[in-house]
PDB file of N, CA and C in Angstrom:
ATOM      1  N   LEU A   1     -12.760  -4.340  -1.642  1.00  0.00           N
ATOM      2  CA  LEU A   1     -11.661  -4.027  -2.545  1.00  0.00           C
ATOM      3  C   LEU A   1     -10.370  -4.752  -2.158  1.00  0.00           C
ATOM      4  N   PRO A   2      -9.952  -4.770  -0.873  1.00  0.00           N
ATOM      5  CA  PRO A   2      -8.735  -5.519  -0.543  1.00  0.00           C
ATOM      6  C   PRO A   2      -8.851  -7.001  -0.880  1.00  0.00           C
ATOM      7  N   ALA A   3     -10.022  -7.576  -0.697  1.00  0.00           N
ATOM      8  CA  ALA A   3     -10.198  -8.999  -1.010  1.00  0.00           C
ATOM      9  C   ALA A   3      -9.999  -9.247  -2.503  1.00  0.00           C
ATOM     10  N   ILE A   4     -10.503  -8.345  -3.333  1.00  0.00           N
ATOM     11  CA  ILE A   4     -10.346  -8.478  -4.784  1.00  0.00           C
ATOM     12  C   ILE A   4      -8.873  -8.361  -5.161  1.00  0.00           C
ATOM     13  N   MET A   5      -8.179  -7.393  -4.550  1.00  0.00           N
ATOM     14  CA  MET A   5      -6.760  -7.214  -4.837  1.00  0.00           C
ATOM     15  C   MET A   5      -5.972  -8.455  -4.417  1.00  0.00           C
ATOM     16  N   PHE A   6      -6.347  -9.059  -3.287  1.00  0.00           N
ATOM     17  CA  PHE A   6      -5.673 -10.262  -2.817  1.00  0.00           C
ATOM     18  C   PHE A   6      -5.901 -11.413  -3.780  1.00  0.00           C
ATOM     19  N   LEU A   7      -7.115 -11.550  -4.287  1.00  0.00           N
ATOM     20  CA  LEU A   7      -7.409 -12.620  -5.241  1.00  0.00           C
ATOM     21  C   LEU A   7      -6.625 -12.432  -6.540  1.00  0.00           C
ATOM     22  N   VAL A   8      -6.494 -11.193  -6.977  1.00  0.00           N
ATOM     23  CA  VAL A   8      -5.712 -10.908  -8.185  1.00  0.00           C
ATOM     24  C   VAL A   8      -4.254 -11.308  -7.959  1.00  0.00           C
ATOM     25  N   LEU A   9      -3.721 -10.985  -6.783  1.00  0.00           N
ATOM     26  CA  LEU A   9      -2.352 -11.366  -6.469  1.00  0.00           C
ATOM     27  C   LEU A   9      -2.196 -12.880  -6.465  1.00  0.00           C
ATOM     28  N   LEU A  10      -3.138 -13.579  -5.845  1.00  0.00           N
ATOM     29  CA  LEU A  10      -3.066 -15.036  -5.831  1.00  0.00           C
ATOM     30  C   LEU A  10      -3.075 -15.605  -7.243  1.00  0.00           C
ATOM     31  N   PHE A  11      -3.866 -15.001  -8.110  1.00  0.00           N
ATOM     32  CA  PHE A  11      -3.911 -15.450  -9.506  1.00  0.00           C
ATOM     33  C   PHE A  11      -2.542 -15.313 -10.152  1.00  0.00           C
ATOM     34  N   PHE A  12      -1.912 -14.158  -9.941  1.00  0.00           N
ATOM     35  CA  PHE A  12      -0.616 -13.926 -10.563  1.00  0.00           C
ATOM     36  C   PHE A  12       0.463 -14.820  -9.986  1.00  0.00           C
ATOM     37  N   LEU A  13       0.345 -15.175  -8.727  1.00  0.00           N
ATOM     38  CA  LEU A  13       1.356 -16.022  -8.107  1.00  0.00           C
ATOM     39  C   LEU A  13       1.102 -17.506  -8.325  1.00  0.00           C
ATOM     40  N   SER A  14      -0.049 -17.837  -8.818  1.00  0.00           N
ATOM     41  CA  SER A  14      -0.362 -19.247  -9.049  1.00  0.00           C
ATOM     42  C   SER A  14       0.149 -19.692 -10.419  1.00  0.00           C
ATOM     43  N   GLY A  15       0.002 -20.951 -10.713  1.00  0.00           N
ATOM     44  CA  GLY A  15       0.436 -21.495 -11.988  1.00  0.00           C
ATOM     45  C   GLY A  15      -0.419 -21.044 -13.152  1.00  0.00           C
ATOM     46  N   GLN A  16      -1.466 -20.286 -12.884  1.00  0.00           N
ATOM     47  CA  GLN A  16      -2.355 -19.841 -13.947  1.00  0.00           C
ATOM     48  C   GLN A  16      -1.655 -18.925 -14.950  1.00  0.00           C
ATOM     49  N   LEU A  17      -0.571 -18.289 -14.535  1.00  0.00           N
ATOM     50  CA  LEU A  17       0.145 -17.396 -15.451  1.00  0.00           C
ATOM     51  C   LEU A  17       0.672 -18.133 -16.670  1.00  0.00           C
ATOM     52  N   LYS A  18       0.935 -19.417 -16.532  1.00  0.00           N
ATOM     53  CA  LYS A  18       1.456 -20.185 -17.657  1.00  0.00           C
ATOM     54  C   LYS A  18       0.471 -20.232 -18.813  1.00  0.00           C
ATOM     55  N   HIS A  19      -0.798 -20.011 -18.526  1.00  0.00           N
ATOM     56  CA  HIS A  19      -1.831 -20.115 -19.546  1.00  0.00           C
ATOM     57  C   HIS A  19      -2.194 -18.777 -20.184  1.00  0.00           C
ATOM     58  N   VAL A  20      -1.613 -17.699 -19.691  1.00  0.00           N
ATOM     59  CA  VAL A  20      -1.893 -16.388 -20.253  1.00  0.00           C
ATOM     60  C   VAL A  20      -1.073 -16.223 -21.532  1.00  0.00           C
ATOM     61  N   ALA A  21      -1.732 -15.874 -22.620  1.00  0.00           N
ATOM     62  CA  ALA A  21      -1.070 -15.819 -23.924  1.00  0.00           C
ATOM     63  C   ALA A  21       0.055 -14.784 -23.981  1.00  0.00           C
ATOM     64  N   LEU A  22      -0.048 -13.716 -23.192  1.00  0.00           N
ATOM     65  CA  LEU A  22       0.949 -12.653 -23.263  1.00  0.00           C
ATOM     66  C   LEU A  22       2.267 -13.028 -22.585  1.00  0.00           C
ATOM     67  N   LEU A  23       2.233 -14.033 -21.705  1.00  0.00           N
ATOM     68  CA  LEU A  23       3.440 -14.416 -20.993  1.00  0.00           C
ATOM     69  C   LEU A  23       3.848 -15.824 -21.389  1.00  0.00           C
ATOM     70  N   ASN A  24       5.106 -16.006 -21.687  1.00  0.00           N
ATOM     71  CA  ASN A  24       5.572 -17.358 -21.996  1.00  0.00           C
ATOM     72  C   ASN A  24       6.104 -18.023 -20.730  1.00  0.00           C
ATOM     73  N   VAL A  25       6.463 -19.269 -20.813  1.00  0.00           N
ATOM     74  CA  VAL A  25       6.907 -20.023 -19.651  1.00  0.00           C
ATOM     75  C   VAL A  25       8.187 -19.426 -19.063  1.00  0.00           C
ATOM     76  N   ALA A  26       9.079 -18.938 -19.893  1.00  0.00           N
ATOM     77  CA  ALA A  26      10.330 -18.346 -19.402  1.00  0.00           C
ATOM     78  C   ALA A  26      10.043 -17.118 -18.543  1.00  0.00           C
ATOM     79  N   THR A  27       9.111 -16.286 -18.989  1.00  0.00           N
ATOM     80  CA  THR A  27       8.743 -15.108 -18.217  1.00  0.00           C
ATOM     81  C   THR A  27       8.134 -15.525 -16.885  1.00  0.00           C
ATOM     82  N   PHE A  28       7.249 -16.515 -16.918  1.00  0.00           N
ATOM     83  CA  PHE A  28       6.633 -16.998 -15.682  1.00  0.00           C
ATOM     84  C   PHE A  28       7.699 -17.520 -14.724  1.00  0.00           C
ATOM     85  N   ASN A  29       8.643 -18.293 -15.235  1.00  0.00           N
ATOM     86  CA  ASN A  29       9.702 -18.834 -14.388  1.00  0.00           C
ATOM     87  C   ASN A  29      10.559 -17.728 -13.793  1.00  0.00           C
ATOM     88  N   THR A  30      10.837 -16.693 -14.564  1.00  0.00           N
ATOM     89  CA  THR A  30      11.616 -15.563 -14.061  1.00  0.00           C
ATOM     90  C   THR A  30      10.868 -14.871 -12.928  1.00  0.00           C
ATOM     91  N   ILE A  31       9.575 -14.626 -13.126  1.00  0.00           N
ATOM     92  CA  ILE A  31       8.773 -13.965 -12.097  1.00  0.00           C
ATOM     93  C   ILE A  31       8.756 -14.793 -10.820  1.00  0.00           C
ATOM     94  N   THR A  32       8.514 -16.087 -10.938  1.00  0.00           N
ATOM     95  CA  THR A  32       8.448 -16.922  -9.743  1.00  0.00           C
ATOM     96  C   THR A  32       9.801 -17.059  -9.068  1.00  0.00           C
ATOM     97  N   GLN A  33      10.885 -17.053  -9.831  1.00  0.00           N
ATOM     98  CA  GLN A  33      12.214 -17.127  -9.229  1.00  0.00           C
ATOM     99  C   GLN A  33      12.557 -15.852  -8.467  1.00  0.00           C
ATOM    100  N   VAL A  34      12.035 -14.721  -8.941  1.00  0.00           N
ATOM    101  CA  VAL A  34      12.316 -13.450  -8.280  1.00  0.00           C
ATOM    102  C   VAL A  34      11.438 -13.289  -7.047  1.00  0.00           C
ATOM    103  N   ILE A  35      10.151 -13.555  -7.167  1.00  0.00           N
ATOM    104  CA  ILE A  35       9.232 -13.240  -6.081  1.00  0.00           C
ATOM    105  C   ILE A  35       9.158 -14.330  -5.014  1.00  0.00           C
ATOM    106  N   SER A  36       9.299 -15.579  -5.383  1.00  0.00           N
ATOM    107  CA  SER A  36       9.132 -16.667  -4.413  1.00  0.00           C
ATOM    108  C   SER A  36      10.074 -16.555  -3.221  1.00  0.00           C
ATOM    109  N   PRO A  37      11.368 -16.333  -3.424  1.00  0.00           N
ATOM    110  CA  PRO A  37      12.250 -16.217  -2.260  1.00  0.00           C
ATOM    111  C   PRO A  37      11.964 -14.967  -1.419  1.00  0.00           C
ATOM    112  N   GLN A  38      11.444 -13.922  -2.050  1.00  0.00           N
ATOM    113  CA  GLN A  38      11.189 -12.668  -1.348  1.00  0.00           C
ATOM    114  C   GLN A  38       9.882 -12.668  -0.577  1.00  0.00           C
ATOM    115  N   LEU A  39       8.932 -13.482  -0.980  1.00  0.00           N
ATOM    116  CA  LEU A  39       7.583 -13.414  -0.430  1.00  0.00           C
ATOM    117  C   LEU A  39       7.532 -13.507   1.093  1.00  0.00           C
ATOM    118  N   PRO A  40       8.226 -14.446   1.728  1.00  0.00           N
ATOM    119  CA  PRO A  40       8.160 -14.486   3.205  1.00  0.00           C
ATOM    120  C   PRO A  40       8.676 -13.205   3.853  1.00  0.00           C
ATOM    121  N   PHE A  41       9.714 -12.600   3.268  1.00  0.00           N
ATOM    122  CA  PHE A  41      10.272 -11.380   3.836  1.00  0.00           C
ATOM    123  C   PHE A  41       9.334 -10.193   3.629  1.00  0.00           C
ATOM    124  N   LEU A  42       8.683 -10.135   2.462  1.00  0.00           N
ATOM    125  CA  LEU A  42       7.724  -9.065   2.206  1.00  0.00           C
ATOM    126  C   LEU A  42       6.550  -9.158   3.172  1.00  0.00           C
ATOM    127  N   ILE A  43       6.059 -10.361   3.390  1.00  0.00           N
ATOM    128  CA  ILE A  43       4.951 -10.569   4.327  1.00  0.00           C
ATOM    129  C   ILE A  43       5.388 -10.168   5.732  1.00  0.00           C
ATOM    130  N   ALA A  44       6.590 -10.577   6.126  1.00  0.00           N
ATOM    131  CA  ALA A  44       7.094 -10.236   7.461  1.00  0.00           C
ATOM    132  C   ALA A  44       7.237  -8.728   7.625  1.00  0.00           C
ATOM    133  N   GLU A  45       7.761  -8.042   6.598  1.00  0.00           N
ATOM    134  CA  GLU A  45       7.893  -6.580   6.680  1.00  0.00           C
ATOM    135  C   GLU A  45       6.536  -5.914   6.856  1.00  0.00           C
ATOM    136  N   GLU A  46       5.560  -6.354   6.100  1.00  0.00           N
ATOM    137  CA  GLU A  46       4.229  -5.756   6.219  1.00  0.00           C
ATOM    138  C   GLU A  46       3.620  -6.024   7.592  1.00  0.00           C
ATOM    139  N   ILE A  47       3.760  -7.239   8.079  1.00  0.00           N
ATOM    140  CA  ILE A  47       3.214  -7.575   9.400  1.00  0.00           C
ATOM    141  C   ILE A  47       3.900  -6.758  10.484  1.00  0.00           C
ATOM    142  N   ILE A  48       5.222  -6.619  10.399  1.00  0.00           N
ATOM    143  CA  ILE A  48       5.967  -5.899  11.435  1.00  0.00           C
ATOM    144  C   ILE A  48       5.718  -4.394  11.364  1.00  0.00           C
ATOM    145  N   PHE A  49       5.984  -3.784  10.195  1.00  0.00           N
ATOM    146  CA  PHE A  49       5.934  -2.326  10.100  1.00  0.00           C
ATOM    147  C   PHE A  49       4.516  -1.763  10.022  1.00  0.00           C
ATOM    148  N   ARG A  50       3.679  -2.370   9.225  1.00  0.00           N
ATOM    149  CA  ARG A  50       2.346  -1.813   9.020  1.00  0.00           C
ATOM    150  C   ARG A  50       1.246  -2.631   9.686  1.00  0.00           C
ATOM    151  N   GLY A  51       1.649  -3.604  10.499  1.00  0.00           N
ATOM    152  CA  GLY A  51       0.703  -4.399  11.260  1.00  0.00           C
ATOM    153  C   GLY A  51       0.934  -4.208  12.748  1.00  0.00           C
ATOM    154  N   LEU A  52       1.915  -4.927  13.293  1.00  0.00           N
ATOM    155  CA  LEU A  52       2.170  -4.904  14.732  1.00  0.00           C
ATOM    156  C   LEU A  52       2.614  -3.528  15.237  1.00  0.00           C
ATOM    157  N   PHE A  53       3.604  -2.936  14.549  1.00  0.00           N
ATOM    158  CA  PHE A  53       4.109  -1.625  14.975  1.00  0.00           C
ATOM    159  C   PHE A  53       3.004  -0.575  14.900  1.00  0.00           C
ATOM    160  N   TRP A  54       2.236  -0.616  13.819  1.00  0.00           N
ATOM    161  CA  TRP A  54       1.119   0.321  13.632  1.00  0.00           C
ATOM    162  C   TRP A  54       0.131   0.168  14.779  1.00  0.00           C
ATOM    163  N   MET A  55      -0.232  -1.089  15.107  1.00  0.00           N
ATOM    164  CA  MET A  55      -1.198  -1.369  16.151  1.00  0.00           C
ATOM    165  C   MET A  55      -0.700  -0.867  17.515  1.00  0.00           C
ATOM    166  N   CYS A  56       0.583  -1.081  17.802  1.00  0.00           N
ATOM    167  CA  CYS A  56       1.141  -0.618  19.075  1.00  0.00           C
ATOM    168  C   CYS A  56       1.076   0.901  19.200  1.00  0.00           C
ATOM    169  N   LEU A  57       1.475   1.597  18.150  1.00  0.00           N
ATOM    170  CA  LEU A  57       1.434   3.063  18.190  1.00  0.00           C
ATOM    171  C   LEU A  57       0.002   3.572  18.280  1.00  0.00           C
ATOM    172  N   LYS A  58      -0.924   2.908  17.602  1.00  0.00           N
ATOM    173  CA  LYS A  58      -2.332   3.293  17.651  1.00  0.00           C
ATOM    174  C   LYS A  58      -2.883   3.122  19.068  1.00  0.00           C
ATOM    175  N   GLU A  59      -2.520   2.018  19.729  1.00  0.00           N
ATOM    176  CA  GLU A  59      -2.969   1.786  21.098  1.00  0.00           C
ATOM    177  C   GLU A  59      -2.363   2.792  22.078  1.00  0.00           C
ATOM    178  N   MET A  60      -1.201   3.351  21.725  1.00  0.00           N
ATOM    179  CA  MET A  60      -0.573   4.377  22.565  1.00  0.00           C
ATOM    180  C   MET A  60      -1.196   5.752  22.333  1.00  0.00           C
ATOM    181  N   GLY A  61      -2.131   5.827  21.394  1.00  0.00           N
ATOM    182  CA  GLY A  61      -2.840   7.075  21.155  1.00  0.00           C
ATOM    183  C   GLY A  61      -2.245   7.960  20.078  1.00  0.00           C
ATOM    184  N   TRP A  62      -1.309   7.455  19.309  1.00  0.00           N
ATOM    185  CA  TRP A  62      -0.701   8.243  18.247  1.00  0.00           C
ATOM    186  C   TRP A  62      -1.701   8.421  17.109  1.00  0.00           C
ATOM    187  N   SER A  63      -1.639   9.552  16.449  1.00  0.00           N
ATOM    188  CA  SER A  63      -2.516   9.782  15.296  1.00  0.00           C
ATOM    189  C   SER A  63      -2.019   8.952  14.118  1.00  0.00           C
ATOM    190  N   GLU A  64      -2.938   8.610  13.229  1.00  0.00           N
ATOM    191  CA  GLU A  64      -2.548   7.773  12.089  1.00  0.00           C
ATOM    192  C   GLU A  64      -1.611   8.504  11.134  1.00  0.00           C
ATOM    193  N   PHE A  65      -1.747   9.826  11.041  1.00  0.00           N
ATOM    194  CA  PHE A  65      -0.823  10.596  10.205  1.00  0.00           C
ATOM    195  C   PHE A  65       0.612  10.429  10.708  1.00  0.00           C
ATOM    196  N   VAL A  66       0.806  10.567  12.029  1.00  0.00           N
ATOM    197  CA  VAL A  66       2.136  10.429  12.623  1.00  0.00           C
ATOM    198  C   VAL A  66       2.626   8.989  12.460  1.00  0.00           C
ATOM    199  N   ILE A  67       1.737   8.024  12.617  1.00  0.00           N
ATOM    200  CA  ILE A  67       2.122   6.619  12.458  1.00  0.00           C
ATOM    201  C   ILE A  67       2.611   6.356  11.037  1.00  0.00           C
ATOM    202  N   VAL A  68       1.940   6.932  10.038  1.00  0.00           N
ATOM    203  CA  VAL A  68       2.373   6.775   8.641  1.00  0.00           C
ATOM    204  C   VAL A  68       3.809   7.262   8.486  1.00  0.00           C
ATOM    205  N   ILE A  69       4.108   8.419   9.048  1.00  0.00           N
ATOM    206  CA  ILE A  69       5.447   9.000   8.930  1.00  0.00           C
ATOM    207  C   ILE A  69       6.479   8.162   9.690  1.00  0.00           C
ATOM    208  N   VAL A  70       6.170   7.776  10.921  1.00  0.00           N
ATOM    209  CA  VAL A  70       7.126   7.029  11.750  1.00  0.00           C
ATOM    210  C   VAL A  70       7.419   5.662  11.143  1.00  0.00           C
ATOM    211  N   GLN A  71       6.385   4.935  10.723  1.00  0.00           N
ATOM    212  CA  GLN A  71       6.630   3.617  10.131  1.00  0.00           C
ATOM    213  C   GLN A  71       7.409   3.755   8.833  1.00  0.00           C
ATOM    214  N   ALA A  72       7.172   4.838   8.076  1.00  0.00           N
ATOM    215  CA  ALA A  72       7.900   5.055   6.826  1.00  0.00           C
ATOM    216  C   ALA A  72       9.386   5.304   7.107  1.00  0.00           C
ATOM    217  N   VAL A  73       9.684   6.104   8.116  1.00  0.00           N
ATOM    218  CA  VAL A  73      11.076   6.389   8.460  1.00  0.00           C
ATOM    219  C   VAL A  73      11.779   5.115   8.933  1.00  0.00           C
ATOM    220  N   LEU A  74      11.125   4.330   9.773  1.00  0.00           N
ATOM    221  CA  LEU A  74      11.738   3.089  10.246  1.00  0.00           C
ATOM    222  C   LEU A  74      11.916   2.079   9.116  1.00  0.00           C
ATOM    223  N   PHE A  75      10.929   2.000   8.225  1.00  0.00           N
ATOM    224  CA  PHE A  75      11.037   1.115   7.070  1.00  0.00           C
ATOM    225  C   PHE A  75      12.203   1.547   6.190  1.00  0.00           C
ATOM    226  N   TRP A  76      12.362   2.848   6.024  1.00  0.00           N
ATOM    227  CA  TRP A  76      13.459   3.410   5.231  1.00  0.00           C
ATOM    228  C   TRP A  76      14.808   3.036   5.862  1.00  0.00           C
ATOM    229  N   ILE A  77      14.933   3.219   7.174  1.00  0.00           N
ATOM    230  CA  ILE A  77      16.176   2.880   7.876  1.00  0.00           C
ATOM    231  C   ILE A  77      16.466   1.384   7.763  1.00  0.00           C
ATOM    232  N   PHE A  78      15.413   0.576   7.819  1.00  0.00           N
ATOM    233  CA  PHE A  78      15.555  -0.870   7.714  1.00  0.00           C
ATOM    234  C   PHE A  78      16.164  -1.265   6.365  1.00  0.00           C
ATOM    235  N   HIS A  79      16.008  -0.414   5.348  1.00  0.00           N
ATOM    236  CA  HIS A  79      16.531  -0.688   4.011  1.00  0.00           C
ATOM    237  C   HIS A  79      17.823   0.094   3.725  1.00  0.00           C
ATOM    238  N   VAL A  80      18.610   0.343   4.757  1.00  0.00           N
ATOM    239  CA  VAL A  80      19.836   1.119   4.631  1.00  0.00           C
ATOM    240  C   VAL A  80      20.856   0.450   3.714  1.00  0.00           C
ATOM    241  N   TYR A  81      20.745  -0.850   3.517  1.00  0.00           N
ATOM    242  CA  TYR A  81      21.692  -1.552   2.647  1.00  0.00           C
ATOM    243  C   TYR A  81      21.635  -1.038   1.204  1.00  0.00           C
ATOM    244  N   TYR A  82      20.581  -0.323   0.839  1.00  0.00           N
ATOM    245  CA  TYR A  82      20.505   0.268  -0.498  1.00  0.00           C
ATOM    246  C   TYR A  82      21.321   1.563  -0.617  1.00  0.00           C
ATOM    247  N   MET A  83      21.766   2.111   0.494  1.00  0.00           N
ATOM    248  CA  MET A  83      22.398   3.433   0.475  1.00  0.00           C
ATOM    249  C   MET A  83      23.567   3.518  -0.499  1.00  0.00           C
ATOM    250  N   PHE A  84      24.414   2.511  -0.511  1.00  0.00           N
ATOM    251  CA  PHE A  84      25.590   2.568  -1.380  1.00  0.00           C
ATOM    252  C   PHE A  84      25.426   1.764  -2.661  1.00  0.00           C
ATOM    253  N   SER A  85      24.634   0.705  -2.614  1.00  0.00           N
ATOM    254  CA  SER A  85      24.472  -0.116  -3.816  1.00  0.00           C
ATOM    255  C   SER A  85      23.484   0.510  -4.801  1.00  0.00           C
ATOM    256  N   GLU A  86      22.431   1.114  -4.296  1.00  0.00           N
ATOM    257  CA  GLU A  86      21.418   1.766  -5.141  1.00  0.00           C
ATOM    258  C   GLU A  86      20.958   3.056  -4.460  1.00  0.00           C
ATOM    259  N   PRO A  87      21.756   4.125  -4.549  1.00  0.00           N
ATOM    260  CA  PRO A  87      21.438   5.362  -3.825  1.00  0.00           C
ATOM    261  C   PRO A  87      20.081   5.970  -4.188  1.00  0.00           C
ATOM    262  N   ALA A  88      19.703   5.928  -5.461  1.00  0.00           N
ATOM    263  CA  ALA A  88      18.401   6.483  -5.850  1.00  0.00           C
ATOM    264  C   ALA A  88      17.271   5.710  -5.183  1.00  0.00           C
ATOM    265  N   MET A  89      17.444   4.412  -5.094  1.00  0.00           N
ATOM    266  CA  MET A  89      16.453   3.576  -4.433  1.00  0.00           C
ATOM    267  C   MET A  89      16.337   3.974  -2.961  1.00  0.00           C
ATOM    268  N   PHE A  90      17.487   4.155  -2.317  1.00  0.00           N
ATOM    269  CA  PHE A  90      17.488   4.492  -0.889  1.00  0.00           C
ATOM    270  C   PHE A  90      16.918   5.878  -0.625  1.00  0.00           C
ATOM    271  N   TRP A  91      17.338   6.884  -1.391  1.00  0.00           N
ATOM    272  CA  TRP A  91      16.953   8.258  -1.103  1.00  0.00           C
ATOM    273  C   TRP A  91      15.598   8.663  -1.673  1.00  0.00           C
ATOM    274  N   LEU A  92      15.113   7.976  -2.698  1.00  0.00           N
ATOM    275  CA  LEU A  92      13.836   8.365  -3.312  1.00  0.00           C
ATOM    276  C   LEU A  92      12.774   7.274  -3.237  1.00  0.00           C
ATOM    277  N   THR A  93      13.071   6.136  -3.809  1.00  0.00           N
ATOM    278  CA  THR A  93      12.060   5.102  -3.975  1.00  0.00           C
ATOM    279  C   THR A  93      11.568   4.535  -2.653  1.00  0.00           C
ATOM    280  N   VAL A  94      12.474   4.156  -1.768  1.00  0.00           N
ATOM    281  CA  VAL A  94      12.062   3.544  -0.503  1.00  0.00           C
ATOM    282  C   VAL A  94      11.249   4.518   0.360  1.00  0.00           C
ATOM    283  N   PRO A  95      11.697   5.762   0.569  1.00  0.00           N
ATOM    284  CA  PRO A  95      10.879   6.661   1.395  1.00  0.00           C
ATOM    285  C   PRO A  95       9.494   6.938   0.789  1.00  0.00           C
ATOM    286  N   ILE A  96       9.445   7.162  -0.511  1.00  0.00           N
ATOM    287  CA  ILE A  96       8.159   7.455  -1.154  1.00  0.00           C
ATOM    288  C   ILE A  96       7.249   6.235  -1.102  1.00  0.00           C
ATOM    289  N   SER A  97       7.786   5.071  -1.404  1.00  0.00           N
ATOM    290  CA  SER A  97       6.953   3.870  -1.396  1.00  0.00           C
ATOM    291  C   SER A  97       6.510   3.506   0.017  1.00  0.00           C
ATOM    292  N   SER A  98       7.344   3.732   1.024  1.00  0.00           N
ATOM    293  CA  SER A  98       6.937   3.405   2.394  1.00  0.00           C
ATOM    294  C   SER A  98       5.826   4.327   2.887  1.00  0.00           C
ATOM    295  N   VAL A  99       5.853   5.586   2.491  1.00  0.00           N
ATOM    296  CA  VAL A  99       4.743   6.476   2.822  1.00  0.00           C
ATOM    297  C   VAL A  99       3.486   6.022   2.085  1.00  0.00           C
ATOM    298  N   PHE A 100       3.627   5.680   0.809  1.00  0.00           N
ATOM    299  CA  PHE A 100       2.493   5.194   0.024  1.00  0.00           C
ATOM    300  C   PHE A 100       1.884   3.938   0.653  1.00  0.00           C
ATOM    301  N   LEU A 101       2.713   2.986   1.061  1.00  0.00           N
ATOM    302  CA  LEU A 101       2.213   1.762   1.683  1.00  0.00           C
ATOM    303  C   LEU A 101       1.505   2.077   2.999  1.00  0.00           C
ATOM    304  N   GLY A 102       2.034   3.024   3.748  1.00  0.00           N
ATOM    305  CA  GLY A 102       1.375   3.447   4.985  1.00  0.00           C
ATOM    306  C   GLY A 102       0.023   4.093   4.724  1.00  0.00           C
ATOM    307  N   ILE A 103      -0.061   4.888   3.678  1.00  0.00           N
ATOM    308  CA  ILE A 103      -1.334   5.524   3.323  1.00  0.00           C
ATOM    309  C   ILE A 103      -2.358   4.465   2.927  1.00  0.00           C
ATOM    310  N   LEU A 104      -1.921   3.416   2.241  1.00  0.00           N
ATOM    311  CA  LEU A 104      -2.835   2.318   1.902  1.00  0.00           C
ATOM    312  C   LEU A 104      -3.410   1.669   3.158  1.00  0.00           C
ATOM    313  N   VAL A 105      -2.556   1.431   4.148  1.00  0.00           N
ATOM    314  CA  VAL A 105      -3.031   0.838   5.403  1.00  0.00           C
ATOM    315  C   VAL A 105      -3.995   1.789   6.103  1.00  0.00           C
ATOM    316  N   TRP A 106      -3.663   3.058   6.132  1.00  0.00           N
ATOM    317  CA  TRP A 106      -4.513   4.065   6.772  1.00  0.00           C
ATOM    318  C   TRP A 106      -5.880   4.112   6.096  1.00  0.00           C
ATOM    319  N   LYS A 107      -5.885   4.141   4.778  1.00  0.00           N
ATOM    320  CA  LYS A 107      -7.145   4.274   4.037  1.00  0.00           C
ATOM    321  C   LYS A 107      -8.011   3.021   4.137  1.00  0.00           C
ATOM    322  N   TYR A 108      -7.412   1.838   3.976  1.00  0.00           N
ATOM    323  CA  TYR A 108      -8.192   0.598   3.915  1.00  0.00           C
ATOM    324  C   TYR A 108      -8.270  -0.154   5.240  1.00  0.00           C
ATOM    325  N   LYS A 109      -7.527   0.328   6.265  1.00  0.00           N
ATOM    326  CA  LYS A 109      -7.539  -0.318   7.593  1.00  0.00           C
ATOM    327  C   LYS A 109      -7.162  -1.795   7.514  1.00  0.00           C
ATOM    328  N   SER A 110      -6.235  -2.114   6.620  1.00  0.00           N
ATOM    329  CA  SER A 110      -5.796  -3.490   6.414  1.00  0.00           C
ATOM    330  C   SER A 110      -4.405  -3.457   5.792  1.00  0.00           C
ATOM    331  N   ILE A 111      -3.605  -4.489   6.092  1.00  0.00           N
ATOM    332  CA  ILE A 111      -2.280  -4.558   5.467  1.00  0.00           C
ATOM    333  C   ILE A 111      -2.331  -5.291   4.127  1.00  0.00           C
ATOM    334  N   THR A 112      -3.477  -5.846   3.775  1.00  0.00           N
ATOM    335  CA  THR A 112      -3.581  -6.578   2.510  1.00  0.00           C
ATOM    336  C   THR A 112      -3.253  -5.699   1.299  1.00  0.00           C
ATOM    337  N   PRO A 113      -3.832  -4.508   1.168  1.00  0.00           N
ATOM    338  CA  PRO A 113      -3.474  -3.676   0.004  1.00  0.00           C
ATOM    339  C   PRO A 113      -1.997  -3.287  -0.020  1.00  0.00           C
ATOM    340  N   SER A 114      -1.427  -3.010   1.148  1.00  0.00           N
ATOM    341  CA  SER A 114      -0.008  -2.641   1.166  1.00  0.00           C
ATOM    342  C   SER A 114       0.867  -3.845   0.835  1.00  0.00           C
ATOM    343  N   LEU A 115       0.463  -5.021   1.264  1.00  0.00           N
ATOM    344  CA  LEU A 115       1.211  -6.238   0.920  1.00  0.00           C
ATOM    345  C   LEU A 115       1.187  -6.477  -0.585  1.00  0.00           C
ATOM    346  N   ILE A 116       0.024  -6.338  -1.179  1.00  0.00           N
ATOM    347  CA  ILE A 116      -0.106  -6.533  -2.623  1.00  0.00           C
ATOM    348  C   ILE A 116       0.739  -5.503  -3.375  1.00  0.00           C
ATOM    349  N   ALA A 117       0.656  -4.244  -2.956  1.00  0.00           N
ATOM    350  CA  ALA A 117       1.452  -3.196  -3.603  1.00  0.00           C
ATOM    351  C   ALA A 117       2.943  -3.463  -3.429  1.00  0.00           C
ATOM    352  N   HIS A 118       3.340  -3.920  -2.265  1.00  0.00           N
ATOM    353  CA  HIS A 118       4.745  -4.213  -1.987  1.00  0.00           C
ATOM    354  C   HIS A 118       5.237  -5.349  -2.890  1.00  0.00           C
ATOM    355  N   VAL A 119       4.441  -6.393  -3.016  1.00  0.00           N
ATOM    356  CA  VAL A 119       4.813  -7.515  -3.889  1.00  0.00           C
ATOM    357  C   VAL A 119       4.904  -7.062  -5.337  1.00  0.00           C
ATOM    358  N   LEU A 120       3.918  -6.320  -5.798  1.00  0.00           N
ATOM    359  CA  LEU A 120       3.919  -5.852  -7.190  1.00  0.00           C
ATOM    360  C   LEU A 120       5.086  -4.908  -7.455  1.00  0.00           C
ATOM    361  N   PHE A 121       5.427  -4.072  -6.487  1.00  0.00           N
ATOM    362  CA  PHE A 121       6.566  -3.179  -6.638  1.00  0.00           C
ATOM    363  C   PHE A 121       7.860  -3.984  -6.784  1.00  0.00           C
ATOM    364  N   ASN A 122       7.995  -5.039  -5.999  1.00  0.00           N
ATOM    365  CA  ASN A 122       9.217  -5.839  -6.064  1.00  0.00           C
ATOM    366  C   ASN A 122       9.298  -6.702  -7.321  1.00  0.00           C
ATOM    367  N   LEU A 123       8.223  -6.782  -8.096  1.00  0.00           N
ATOM    368  CA  LEU A 123       8.260  -7.500  -9.368  1.00  0.00           C
ATOM    369  C   LEU A 123       8.885  -6.681 -10.491  1.00  0.00           C
ATOM    370  N   ARG A 124       9.097  -5.404 -10.245  1.00  0.00           N
ATOM    371  CA  ARG A 124       9.632  -4.532 -11.300  1.00  0.00           C
ATOM    372  C   ARG A 124      11.010  -5.006 -11.721  1.00  0.00           C
ATOM    373  N   PRO A 125      11.399  -4.695 -12.950  1.00  0.00           N
ATOM    374  CA  PRO A 125      12.723  -5.127 -13.436  1.00  0.00           C
ATOM    375  C   PRO A 125      13.850  -4.368 -12.759  1.00  0.00           C
TER     376      PRO A 125
END
């Protein structure tokens, strides 16, 4: 399942979107302009919070439930810049989505599903 989700993401990020009848070139350009600059940072966040940090806590003997909560809190703090510019994002969306992304890693034992979900979430208007 994670491999399929990754392939779907690659399809959407590739030039193939230009050929989909529902999306015009302007929409494709908007999507690529929004996601392309963010992609390295999204990958880095997933590797750091739900990859390396998760692995370190797991090796220390922490339960995965506690790891989900701890990584979510740290991810939330990392996004403190939303506190004043987008308070709803800071107080609701980021904490809920970070727990959700952690649950994806816990369930699938891979950061690929959480990376895909993170990218798709950041595509929202």
